Amino acid sequence: MEVSLIILCIILGAAALFSIIHSLLLKKQIRDIIRQNHFIQNEDTNLPITAAMPDKEVEALIESINALLETHRQFEIRMTQANRSFKNSITSISHDLRTPLTSASGYIQMLQDFDLPEETRAEYLEIVKQRIQAVRKLLDQLFEFARIEADELVLAEEAVNLGNVLRDTLALFYNDFCSQDSEPEIQIPDDPFVVTGDTDAFKRIFSNILSNALTHGEGHFSIKAVLTDGAVNITFENRTHSITPDDLPCIFDRFYTTDVSRSRKTTGLGLSIAKRLATRMGGSISASLDNDVFGIHLQFSLK
């Protein structure tokens, strides 16, 4: 009996000792986790929290903390990118507004200060008019973009004969293509193909893409619509030397302009608006560049 009692006491003592040691080690682990967490926050490092000793519960806790830290890091990265994008946007807007206004102001000053021939005055007034129209176009695009971003632009969900909309939009650019002595290659199926969306939004998408092509294009304009697997694929192509492969990942970003397009006073909003409208209506849009042939590719599901 006494032997059994001694054995029981030894077992209980060992268990108590193990519990005390485990508790001390656990506290040490917790203090170490707190220390690592403080270090990560103060030093702004990407190091994860690690366990000093193997323990399933502690490792599960550390895994959860590391997941939260990674979420926080990704949030900070997105915030930094958003702030940088906002600052770049303000810079772009300021530049795009200041440039035509400064130019117009210069011509107005010359009209006021000099006794110019009537022909020269008419020429300068036309330039001032163009500069003001450029500012108005930018402000209209900014307003439209802001409404889309704020989800304030209500889009209809109606049956749209997309072939007719594309033909009508192309007709509006007839004089623009003629002024470049370029006749676009157009391939649109005669049979109607109907999609669900907003007619005006589709017109805006096509107009923005065509305006971009005429601004950057150097001939070889092509517009093709192909029906495949319950969808319509529309491709706009033009030859250009002002766009490089490095531009493709950013081509739909707001206010993104190449060096050449900046010199041509483009706002960098047209394709960004086109992408947002296409996405809002359940479509997709992408860009490609192959041997100096730039392409914009649209896809919408058929009704």
C-alpha atoms as a PDB file:
ATOM      1  CA  MET A   1       0.000   0.000   0.000  1.00  0.00           C
ATOM      2  CA  GLU A   2       2.751   2.383   0.951  1.00  0.00           C
ATOM      3  CA  VAL A   3       4.643   1.540  -2.227  1.00  0.00           C
ATOM      4  CA  SER A   4       1.579   2.272  -4.328  1.00  0.00           C
ATOM      5  CA  LEU A   5       1.083   5.580  -2.543  1.00  0.00           C
ATOM      6  CA  ILE A   6       4.710   6.508  -3.142  1.00  0.00           C
ATOM      7  CA  ILE A   7       4.407   5.651  -6.830  1.00  0.00           C
ATOM      8  CA  LEU A   8       1.217   7.712  -7.080  1.00  0.00           C
ATOM      9  CA  CYS A   9       2.909  10.675  -5.406  1.00  0.00           C
ATOM     10  CA  ILE A  10       5.847  10.380  -7.776  1.00  0.00           C
ATOM     11  CA  ILE A  11       3.497  10.322 -10.768  1.00  0.00           C
ATOM     12  CA  LEU A  12       1.517  13.300  -9.491  1.00  0.00           C
ATOM     13  CA  GLY A  13       4.714  15.166  -8.708  1.00  0.00           C
ATOM     14  CA  ALA A  14       6.092  14.461 -12.166  1.00  0.00           C
ATOM     15  CA  ALA A  15       2.828  15.600 -13.733  1.00  0.00           C
ATOM     16  CA  ALA A  16       2.862  18.772 -11.648  1.00  0.00           C
ATOM     17  CA  LEU A  17       6.491  19.404 -12.546  1.00  0.00           C
ATOM     18  CA  PHE A  18       5.738  18.824 -16.223  1.00  0.00           C
ATOM     19  CA  SER A  19       2.763  21.197 -15.992  1.00  0.00           C
ATOM     20  CA  ILE A  20       4.894  23.864 -14.327  1.00  0.00           C
ATOM     21  CA  ILE A  21       7.669  23.483 -16.893  1.00  0.00           C
ATOM     22  CA  HIS A  22       5.137  23.551 -19.748  1.00  0.00           C
ATOM     23  CA  SER A  23       3.512  26.658 -18.271  1.00  0.00           C
ATOM     24  CA  LEU A  24       6.877  28.383 -17.944  1.00  0.00           C
ATOM     25  CA  LEU A  25       7.833  27.461 -21.504  1.00  0.00           C
ATOM     26  CA  LEU A  26       4.439  28.642 -22.745  1.00  0.00           C
ATOM     27  CA  LYS A  27       4.883  31.991 -20.993  1.00  0.00           C
ATOM     28  CA  LYS A  28       8.361  32.231 -22.485  1.00  0.00           C
ATOM     29  CA  GLN A  29       6.903  31.518 -25.934  1.00  0.00           C
ATOM     30  CA  ILE A  30       4.229  34.186 -25.452  1.00  0.00           C
ATOM     31  CA  ARG A  31       6.816  36.746 -24.324  1.00  0.00           C
ATOM     32  CA  ASP A  32       8.918  35.839 -27.356  1.00  0.00           C
ATOM     33  CA  ILE A  33       5.912  36.255 -29.675  1.00  0.00           C
ATOM     34  CA  ILE A  34       5.170  39.669 -28.137  1.00  0.00           C
ATOM     35  CA  ARG A  35       8.834  40.666 -28.532  1.00  0.00           C
ATOM     36  CA  GLN A  36       8.871  39.565 -32.191  1.00  0.00           C
ATOM     37  CA  ASN A  37       5.604  41.373 -32.867  1.00  0.00           C
ATOM     38  CA  HIS A  38       6.948  44.631 -31.380  1.00  0.00           C
ATOM     39  CA  PHE A  39      10.126  44.277 -33.421  1.00  0.00           C
ATOM     40  CA  ILE A  40       8.162  43.708 -36.650  1.00  0.00           C
ATOM     41  CA  GLN A  41       5.985  46.759 -36.003  1.00  0.00           C
ATOM     42  CA  ASN A  42       8.836  49.065 -34.997  1.00  0.00           C
ATOM     43  CA  GLU A  43      11.335  47.990 -37.639  1.00  0.00           C
ATOM     44  CA  ASP A  44       8.807  47.712 -40.504  1.00  0.00           C
ATOM     45  CA  THR A  45      10.190  44.339 -41.532  1.00  0.00           C
ATOM     46  CA  ASN A  46       8.565  41.528 -43.503  1.00  0.00           C
ATOM     47  CA  LEU A  47       9.954  38.834 -41.189  1.00  0.00           C
ATOM     48  CA  PRO A  48       7.311  36.395 -39.894  1.00  0.00           C
ATOM     49  CA  ILE A  49       6.884  35.442 -36.260  1.00  0.00           C
ATOM     50  CA  THR A  50       8.478  32.078 -35.487  1.00  0.00           C
ATOM     51  CA  ALA A  51       8.129  29.545 -32.667  1.00  0.00           C
ATOM     52  CA  ALA A  52      11.116  28.898 -30.412  1.00  0.00           C
ATOM     53  CA  MET A  53       9.859  25.417 -29.511  1.00  0.00           C
ATOM     54  CA  PRO A  54       7.416  23.048 -31.224  1.00  0.00           C
ATOM     55  CA  ASP A  55       3.886  23.292 -29.854  1.00  0.00           C
ATOM     56  CA  LYS A  56       0.750  22.734 -31.948  1.00  0.00           C
ATOM     57  CA  GLU A  57      -1.392  25.326 -30.184  1.00  0.00           C
ATOM     58  CA  VAL A  58       1.353  27.959 -30.212  1.00  0.00           C
ATOM     59  CA  GLU A  59       2.135  27.239 -33.855  1.00  0.00           C
ATOM     60  CA  ALA A  60      -1.558  27.652 -34.727  1.00  0.00           C
ATOM     61  CA  LEU A  61      -1.603  30.979 -32.857  1.00  0.00           C
ATOM     62  CA  ILE A  62       1.556  32.143 -34.659  1.00  0.00           C
ATOM     63  CA  GLU A  63       0.074  31.132 -38.012  1.00  0.00           C
ATOM     64  CA  SER A  64      -3.007  33.258 -37.303  1.00  0.00           C
ATOM     65  CA  ILE A  65      -0.890  36.239 -36.206  1.00  0.00           C
ATOM     66  CA  ASN A  66       1.308  35.950 -39.309  1.00  0.00           C
ATOM     67  CA  ALA A  67      -1.810  35.864 -41.491  1.00  0.00           C
ATOM     68  CA  LEU A  68      -3.051  39.067 -39.833  1.00  0.00           C
ATOM     69  CA  LEU A  69       0.368  40.685 -40.275  1.00  0.00           C
ATOM     70  CA  GLU A  70       0.401  39.741 -43.964  1.00  0.00           C
ATOM     71  CA  THR A  71      -3.106  41.162 -44.414  1.00  0.00           C
ATOM     72  CA  HIS A  72      -1.940  44.373 -42.753  1.00  0.00           C
ATOM     73  CA  ARG A  73       1.144  44.519 -44.994  1.00  0.00           C
ATOM     74  CA  GLN A  74      -0.954  44.050 -48.126  1.00  0.00           C
ATOM     75  CA  PHE A  75      -3.339  46.770 -46.929  1.00  0.00           C
ATOM     76  CA  GLU A  76      -0.429  49.161 -46.400  1.00  0.00           C
ATOM     77  CA  ILE A  77       0.918  48.330 -49.866  1.00  0.00           C
ATOM     78  CA  ARG A  78      -2.481  49.039 -51.427  1.00  0.00           C
ATOM     79  CA  MET A  79      -2.779  52.293 -49.480  1.00  0.00           C
ATOM     80  CA  THR A  80       0.701  53.369 -50.594  1.00  0.00           C
ATOM     81  CA  GLN A  81      -0.132  52.538 -54.198  1.00  0.00           C
ATOM     82  CA  ALA A  82      -3.469  54.350 -53.925  1.00  0.00           C
ATOM     83  CA  ASN A  83      -1.794  57.459 -52.486  1.00  0.00           C
ATOM     84  CA  ARG A  84       0.861  57.381 -55.190  1.00  0.00           C
ATOM     85  CA  SER A  85      -1.811  56.930 -57.852  1.00  0.00           C
ATOM     86  CA  PHE A  86      -3.819  59.815 -56.380  1.00  0.00           C
ATOM     87  CA  LYS A  87      -0.778  62.108 -56.382  1.00  0.00           C
ATOM     88  CA  ASN A  88       0.052  61.105 -59.951  1.00  0.00           C
ATOM     89  CA  SER A  89      -3.554  61.748 -60.942  1.00  0.00           C
ATOM     90  CA  ILE A  90      -3.489  65.236 -59.438  1.00  0.00           C
ATOM     91  CA  THR A  91      -0.205  65.940 -61.231  1.00  0.00           C
ATOM     92  CA  SER A  92      -1.641  64.702 -64.531  1.00  0.00           C
ATOM     93  CA  ILE A  93      -4.841  66.709 -64.144  1.00  0.00           C
ATOM     94  CA  SER A  94      -2.886  69.843 -63.267  1.00  0.00           C
ATOM     95  CA  HIS A  95      -0.627  69.394 -66.280  1.00  0.00           C
ATOM     96  CA  ASP A  96      -3.482  68.624 -68.670  1.00  0.00           C
ATOM     97  CA  LEU A  97      -5.445  71.667 -67.515  1.00  0.00           C
ATOM     98  CA  ARG A  98      -2.508  74.047 -67.246  1.00  0.00           C
ATOM     99  CA  THR A  99      -1.000  73.322 -70.669  1.00  0.00           C
ATOM    100  CA  PRO A 100      -3.943  74.384 -72.883  1.00  0.00           C
ATOM    101  CA  LEU A 101      -4.902  77.232 -70.543  1.00  0.00           C
ATOM    102  CA  THR A 102      -1.350  78.619 -70.575  1.00  0.00           C
ATOM    103  CA  SER A 103      -1.268  78.371 -74.357  1.00  0.00           C
ATOM    104  CA  ALA A 104      -4.656  80.074 -74.707  1.00  0.00           C
ATOM    105  CA  SER A 105      -3.584  82.796 -72.278  1.00  0.00           C
ATOM    106  CA  GLY A 106      -0.498  83.494 -74.389  1.00  0.00           C
ATOM    107  CA  TYR A 107      -2.499  83.927 -77.575  1.00  0.00           C
ATOM    108  CA  ILE A 108      -5.074  86.113 -75.814  1.00  0.00           C
ATOM    109  CA  GLN A 109      -2.233  88.306 -74.541  1.00  0.00           C
ATOM    110  CA  MET A 110      -0.893  88.710 -78.081  1.00  0.00           C
ATOM    111  CA  LEU A 111      -4.370  89.580 -79.340  1.00  0.00           C
ATOM    112  CA  GLN A 112      -4.604  92.295 -76.691  1.00  0.00           C
ATOM    113  CA  ASP A 113      -1.084  93.727 -77.000  1.00  0.00           C
ATOM    114  CA  PHE A 114      -0.466  93.726 -80.744  1.00  0.00           C
ATOM    115  CA  ASP A 115      -2.217  95.224 -83.722  1.00  0.00           C
ATOM    116  CA  LEU A 116      -2.430  92.038 -85.750  1.00  0.00           C
ATOM    117  CA  PRO A 117      -3.758  91.492 -89.273  1.00  0.00           C
ATOM    118  CA  GLU A 118      -7.310  90.183 -89.396  1.00  0.00           C
ATOM    119  CA  GLU A 119      -6.166  86.841 -90.797  1.00  0.00           C
ATOM    120  CA  THR A 120      -3.689  86.369 -87.940  1.00  0.00           C
ATOM    121  CA  ARG A 121      -6.303  87.376 -85.367  1.00  0.00           C
ATOM    122  CA  ALA A 122      -8.712  84.802 -86.779  1.00  0.00           C
ATOM    123  CA  GLU A 123      -5.984  82.155 -86.655  1.00  0.00           C
ATOM    124  CA  TYR A 124      -5.143  82.959 -83.036  1.00  0.00           C
ATOM    125  CA  LEU A 125      -8.803  82.984 -82.030  1.00  0.00           C
ATOM    126  CA  GLU A 126      -9.216  79.540 -83.580  1.00  0.00           C
ATOM    127  CA  ILE A 127      -6.236  78.290 -81.560  1.00  0.00           C
ATOM    128  CA  VAL A 128      -7.745  79.735 -78.367  1.00  0.00           C
ATOM    129  CA  LYS A 129     -11.026  78.012 -79.225  1.00  0.00           C
ATOM    130  CA  GLN A 130      -9.238  74.681 -79.684  1.00  0.00           C
ATOM    131  CA  ARG A 131      -7.434  75.041 -76.368  1.00  0.00           C
ATOM    132  CA  ILE A 132     -10.697  75.786 -74.554  1.00  0.00           C
ATOM    133  CA  GLN A 133     -12.328  72.799 -76.244  1.00  0.00           C
ATOM    134  CA  ALA A 134      -9.435  70.623 -75.040  1.00  0.00           C
ATOM    135  CA  VAL A 135     -10.035  71.767 -71.461  1.00  0.00           C
ATOM    136  CA  ARG A 136     -13.760  71.143 -71.810  1.00  0.00           C
ATOM    137  CA  LYS A 137     -13.112  67.637 -73.173  1.00  0.00           C
ATOM    138  CA  LEU A 138     -10.836  66.869 -70.239  1.00  0.00           C
ATOM    139  CA  LEU A 139     -13.380  68.142 -67.716  1.00  0.00           C
ATOM    140  CA  ASP A 140     -16.144  66.093 -69.382  1.00  0.00           C
ATOM    141  CA  GLN A 141     -13.974  62.974 -69.222  1.00  0.00           C
ATOM    142  CA  LEU A 142     -13.058  63.666 -65.602  1.00  0.00           C
ATOM    143  CA  PHE A 143     -16.725  64.050 -64.696  1.00  0.00           C
ATOM    144  CA  GLU A 144     -17.653  60.853 -66.530  1.00  0.00           C
ATOM    145  CA  PHE A 145     -14.760  58.951 -64.953  1.00  0.00           C
ATOM    146  CA  ALA A 146     -15.682  60.215 -61.473  1.00  0.00           C
ATOM    147  CA  ARG A 147     -19.294  59.082 -61.935  1.00  0.00           C
ATOM    148  CA  ILE A 148     -18.160  55.626 -63.053  1.00  0.00           C
ATOM    149  CA  GLU A 149     -15.702  55.294 -60.154  1.00  0.00           C
ATOM    150  CA  ALA A 150     -18.362  56.399 -57.657  1.00  0.00           C
ATOM    151  CA  ASP A 151     -20.818  53.933 -59.218  1.00  0.00           C
ATOM    152  CA  GLU A 152     -23.198  56.831 -59.913  1.00  0.00           C
ATOM    153  CA  LEU A 153     -23.516  56.135 -63.645  1.00  0.00           C
ATOM    154  CA  VAL A 154     -26.692  54.108 -64.148  1.00  0.00           C
ATOM    155  CA  LEU A 155     -26.385  51.712 -67.089  1.00  0.00           C
ATOM    156  CA  ALA A 156     -29.417  50.235 -68.798  1.00  0.00           C
ATOM    157  CA  GLU A 157     -29.783  46.488 -69.218  1.00  0.00           C
ATOM    158  CA  GLU A 158     -31.432  46.267 -72.606  1.00  0.00           C
ATOM    159  CA  ALA A 159     -31.080  44.205 -75.755  1.00  0.00           C
ATOM    160  CA  VAL A 160     -28.547  45.952 -78.000  1.00  0.00           C
ATOM    161  CA  ASN A 161     -27.782  45.118 -81.632  1.00  0.00           C
ATOM    162  CA  LEU A 162     -24.053  45.600 -81.195  1.00  0.00           C
ATOM    163  CA  GLY A 163     -23.313  45.373 -84.917  1.00  0.00           C
ATOM    164  CA  ASN A 164     -25.511  48.389 -85.643  1.00  0.00           C
ATOM    165  CA  VAL A 165     -23.987  50.364 -82.758  1.00  0.00           C
ATOM    166  CA  LEU A 166     -20.486  49.607 -84.044  1.00  0.00           C
ATOM    167  CA  ARG A 167     -21.382  50.635 -87.610  1.00  0.00           C
ATOM    168  CA  ASP A 168     -23.040  53.871 -86.433  1.00  0.00           C
ATOM    169  CA  THR A 169     -20.014  54.767 -84.306  1.00  0.00           C
ATOM    170  CA  LEU A 170     -17.609  54.058 -87.164  1.00  0.00           C
ATOM    171  CA  ALA A 171     -19.649  56.361 -89.414  1.00  0.00           C
ATOM    172  CA  LEU A 172     -19.048  59.232 -86.983  1.00  0.00           C
ATOM    173  CA  PHE A 173     -15.289  58.839 -87.514  1.00  0.00           C
ATOM    174  CA  TYR A 174     -15.448  58.737 -91.317  1.00  0.00           C
ATOM    175  CA  ASN A 175     -13.990  62.244 -91.738  1.00  0.00           C
ATOM    176  CA  ASP A 176     -11.241  61.515 -89.206  1.00  0.00           C
ATOM    177  CA  PHE A 177     -10.069  58.498 -91.167  1.00  0.00           C
ATOM    178  CA  CYS A 178     -10.292  60.473 -94.412  1.00  0.00           C
ATOM    179  CA  SER A 179      -8.124  63.239 -92.945  1.00  0.00           C
ATOM    180  CA  GLN A 180      -5.418  60.622 -92.394  1.00  0.00           C
ATOM    181  CA  ASP A 181      -5.860  59.256 -95.926  1.00  0.00           C
ATOM    182  CA  SER A 182      -6.607  55.885 -94.417  1.00  0.00           C
ATOM    183  CA  GLU A 183      -9.524  53.582 -95.117  1.00  0.00           C
ATOM    184  CA  PRO A 184     -10.028  51.101 -92.278  1.00  0.00           C
ATOM    185  CA  GLU A 185     -10.558  47.426 -92.951  1.00  0.00           C
ATOM    186  CA  ILE A 186     -13.992  46.637 -91.519  1.00  0.00           C
ATOM    187  CA  GLN A 187     -15.394  43.143 -91.027  1.00  0.00           C
ATOM    188  CA  ILE A 188     -18.746  43.044 -89.235  1.00  0.00           C
ATOM    189  CA  PRO A 189     -21.217  40.158 -89.713  1.00  0.00           C
ATOM    190  CA  ASP A 190     -24.352  41.111 -91.639  1.00  0.00           C
ATOM    191  CA  ASP A 191     -26.546  39.065 -89.325  1.00  0.00           C
ATOM    192  CA  PRO A 192     -27.504  40.929 -86.146  1.00  0.00           C
ATOM    193  CA  PHE A 193     -25.748  39.949 -82.934  1.00  0.00           C
ATOM    194  CA  VAL A 194     -27.476  41.053 -79.763  1.00  0.00           C
ATOM    195  CA  VAL A 195     -25.972  41.578 -76.317  1.00  0.00           C
ATOM    196  CA  THR A 196     -27.304  42.948 -73.038  1.00  0.00           C
ATOM    197  CA  GLY A 197     -26.122  46.378 -71.961  1.00  0.00           C
ATOM    198  CA  ASP A 198     -26.419  50.138 -72.391  1.00  0.00           C
ATOM    199  CA  THR A 199     -26.393  51.515 -75.940  1.00  0.00           C
ATOM    200  CA  ASP A 200     -24.741  54.818 -75.001  1.00  0.00           C
ATOM    201  CA  ALA A 201     -22.078  52.989 -72.987  1.00  0.00           C
ATOM    202  CA  PHE A 202     -21.224  50.797 -75.979  1.00  0.00           C
ATOM    203  CA  LYS A 203     -20.970  53.917 -78.148  1.00  0.00           C
ATOM    204  CA  ARG A 204     -18.614  55.498 -75.610  1.00  0.00           C
ATOM    205  CA  ILE A 205     -16.431  52.379 -75.532  1.00  0.00           C
ATOM    206  CA  PHE A 206     -16.133  52.257 -79.329  1.00  0.00           C
ATOM    207  CA  SER A 207     -15.593  56.028 -79.591  1.00  0.00           C
ATOM    208  CA  ASN A 208     -12.811  56.036 -77.011  1.00  0.00           C
ATOM    209  CA  ILE A 209     -11.034  53.121 -78.682  1.00  0.00           C
ATOM    210  CA  LEU A 210     -11.320  54.698 -82.137  1.00  0.00           C
ATOM    211  CA  SER A 211     -10.119  58.070 -80.822  1.00  0.00           C
ATOM    212  CA  ASN A 212      -7.126  56.332 -79.288  1.00  0.00           C
ATOM    213  CA  ALA A 213      -6.396  54.562 -82.588  1.00  0.00           C
ATOM    214  CA  LEU A 214      -6.565  57.799 -84.566  1.00  0.00           C
ATOM    215  CA  THR A 215      -4.331  59.580 -82.047  1.00  0.00           C
ATOM    216  CA  HIS A 216      -1.623  56.928 -81.898  1.00  0.00           C
ATOM    217  CA  GLY A 217      -2.220  55.060 -85.139  1.00  0.00           C
ATOM    218  CA  GLU A 218       0.004  55.273 -88.172  1.00  0.00           C
ATOM    219  CA  GLY A 219      -2.198  53.426 -90.630  1.00  0.00           C
ATOM    220  CA  HIS A 220      -3.319  49.821 -91.018  1.00  0.00           C
ATOM    221  CA  PHE A 221      -6.607  50.423 -89.198  1.00  0.00           C
ATOM    222  CA  SER A 222      -8.700  47.303 -88.778  1.00  0.00           C
ATOM    223  CA  ILE A 223     -12.026  46.640 -87.040  1.00  0.00           C
ATOM    224  CA  LYS A 224     -13.269  43.052 -86.931  1.00  0.00           C
ATOM    225  CA  ALA A 225     -16.191  41.400 -85.151  1.00  0.00           C
ATOM    226  CA  VAL A 226     -16.255  37.605 -84.887  1.00  0.00           C
ATOM    227  CA  LEU A 227     -18.982  35.432 -83.352  1.00  0.00           C
ATOM    228  CA  THR A 228     -17.673  32.411 -81.417  1.00  0.00           C
ATOM    229  CA  ASP A 229     -19.087  30.142 -78.706  1.00  0.00           C
ATOM    230  CA  GLY A 230     -21.952  32.351 -77.596  1.00  0.00           C
ATOM    231  CA  ALA A 231     -19.876  35.531 -77.562  1.00  0.00           C
ATOM    232  CA  VAL A 232     -18.805  38.330 -79.876  1.00  0.00           C
ATOM    233  CA  ASN A 233     -15.129  39.246 -80.085  1.00  0.00           C
ATOM    234  CA  ILE A 234     -14.374  42.708 -81.466  1.00  0.00           C
ATOM    235  CA  THR A 235     -10.803  43.657 -82.328  1.00  0.00           C
ATOM    236  CA  PHE A 236      -9.489  47.135 -83.134  1.00  0.00           C
ATOM    237  CA  GLU A 237      -5.983  47.205 -84.610  1.00  0.00           C
ATOM    238  CA  ASN A 238      -3.654  49.897 -85.895  1.00  0.00           C
ATOM    239  CA  ARG A 239       0.028  50.242 -86.620  1.00  0.00           C
ATOM    240  CA  THR A 240       1.921  52.421 -84.155  1.00  0.00           C
ATOM    241  CA  HIS A 241       5.401  53.233 -82.893  1.00  0.00           C
ATOM    242  CA  SER A 242       4.266  55.243 -79.857  1.00  0.00           C
ATOM    243  CA  ILE A 243       3.355  52.216 -77.738  1.00  0.00           C
ATOM    244  CA  THR A 244       5.873  49.715 -76.393  1.00  0.00           C
ATOM    245  CA  PRO A 245       5.464  46.325 -74.672  1.00  0.00           C
ATOM    246  CA  ASP A 246       6.214  48.070 -71.361  1.00  0.00           C
ATOM    247  CA  ASP A 247       3.083  50.194 -71.836  1.00  0.00           C
ATOM    248  CA  LEU A 248       0.683  47.231 -72.120  1.00  0.00           C
ATOM    249  CA  PRO A 249       0.254  46.460 -68.388  1.00  0.00           C
ATOM    250  CA  CYS A 250      -0.660  50.117 -67.744  1.00  0.00           C
ATOM    251  CA  ILE A 251      -2.586  50.914 -70.926  1.00  0.00           C
ATOM    252  CA  PHE A 252      -5.975  50.925 -69.150  1.00  0.00           C
ATOM    253  CA  ASP A 253      -4.784  52.785 -66.043  1.00  0.00           C
ATOM    254  CA  ARG A 254      -6.345  56.169 -65.430  1.00  0.00           C
ATOM    255  CA  PHE A 255      -4.286  59.109 -66.704  1.00  0.00           C
ATOM    256  CA  TYR A 256      -1.696  56.757 -68.188  1.00  0.00           C
ATOM    257  CA  THR A 257      -0.051  58.304 -71.229  1.00  0.00           C
ATOM    258  CA  THR A 258       3.048  57.442 -73.194  1.00  0.00           C
ATOM    259  CA  ASP A 259       5.643  60.133 -73.842  1.00  0.00           C
ATOM    260  CA  VAL A 260       4.329  60.539 -77.386  1.00  0.00           C
ATOM    261  CA  SER A 261       0.699  60.746 -76.335  1.00  0.00           C
ATOM    262  CA  ARG A 262       1.584  63.367 -73.725  1.00  0.00           C
ATOM    263  CA  SER A 263       3.051  65.515 -76.499  1.00  0.00           C
ATOM    264  CA  ARG A 264      -0.195  65.046 -78.403  1.00  0.00           C
ATOM    265  CA  LYS A 265      -2.174  66.376 -75.428  1.00  0.00           C
ATOM    266  CA  THR A 266      -4.141  63.193 -74.713  1.00  0.00           C
ATOM    267  CA  THR A 267      -5.636  62.797 -71.246  1.00  0.00           C
ATOM    268  CA  GLY A 268      -5.069  59.093 -70.703  1.00  0.00           C
ATOM    269  CA  LEU A 269      -8.685  58.594 -69.604  1.00  0.00           C
ATOM    270  CA  GLY A 270     -10.287  57.218 -72.774  1.00  0.00           C
ATOM    271  CA  LEU A 271      -9.203  53.589 -72.516  1.00  0.00           C
ATOM    272  CA  SER A 272      -9.621  53.631 -68.742  1.00  0.00           C
ATOM    273  CA  ILE A 273     -13.253  54.666 -69.169  1.00  0.00           C
ATOM    274  CA  ALA A 274     -13.709  52.035 -71.893  1.00  0.00           C
ATOM    275  CA  LYS A 275     -12.445  49.302 -69.583  1.00  0.00           C
ATOM    276  CA  ARG A 276     -14.659  50.306 -66.686  1.00  0.00           C
ATOM    277  CA  LEU A 277     -17.761  50.481 -68.878  1.00  0.00           C
ATOM    278  CA  ALA A 278     -16.990  47.133 -70.513  1.00  0.00           C
ATOM    279  CA  THR A 279     -16.478  45.519 -67.119  1.00  0.00           C
ATOM    280  CA  ARG A 280     -19.676  47.063 -65.738  1.00  0.00           C
ATOM    281  CA  MET A 281     -21.602  45.395 -68.571  1.00  0.00           C
ATOM    282  CA  GLY A 282     -20.049  41.990 -67.989  1.00  0.00           C
ATOM    283  CA  GLY A 283     -17.553  42.187 -70.833  1.00  0.00           C
ATOM    284  CA  SER A 284     -13.791  41.965 -70.998  1.00  0.00           C
ATOM    285  CA  ILE A 285     -11.155  44.148 -72.636  1.00  0.00           C
ATOM    286  CA  SER A 286      -7.450  43.558 -73.218  1.00  0.00           C
ATOM    287  CA  ALA A 287      -4.554  44.979 -75.234  1.00  0.00           C
ATOM    288  CA  SER A 288      -1.847  43.433 -77.391  1.00  0.00           C
ATOM    289  CA  LEU A 289       1.191  44.537 -79.377  1.00  0.00           C
ATOM    290  CA  ASP A 290       2.662  42.422 -82.169  1.00  0.00           C
ATOM    291  CA  ASN A 291       5.239  43.781 -84.617  1.00  0.00           C
ATOM    292  CA  ASP A 292       4.139  47.397 -84.044  1.00  0.00           C
ATOM    293  CA  VAL A 293       0.467  46.453 -84.491  1.00  0.00           C
ATOM    294  CA  PHE A 294      -1.478  47.545 -81.419  1.00  0.00           C
ATOM    295  CA  GLY A 295      -4.771  45.819 -80.686  1.00  0.00           C
ATOM    296  CA  ILE A 296      -7.706  46.330 -78.350  1.00  0.00           C
ATOM    297  CA  HIS A 297      -9.827  43.222 -77.864  1.00  0.00           C
ATOM    298  CA  LEU A 298     -13.404  43.268 -76.558  1.00  0.00           C
ATOM    299  CA  GLN A 299     -15.616  40.325 -75.705  1.00  0.00           C
ATOM    300  CA  PHE A 300     -19.305  40.306 -74.759  1.00  0.00           C
ATOM    301  CA  SER A 301     -21.686  37.403 -74.250  1.00  0.00           C
ATOM    302  CA  LEU A 302     -24.484  37.124 -76.791  1.00  0.00           C
ATOM    303  CA  LYS A 303     -28.052  37.385 -75.590  1.00  0.00           C
END
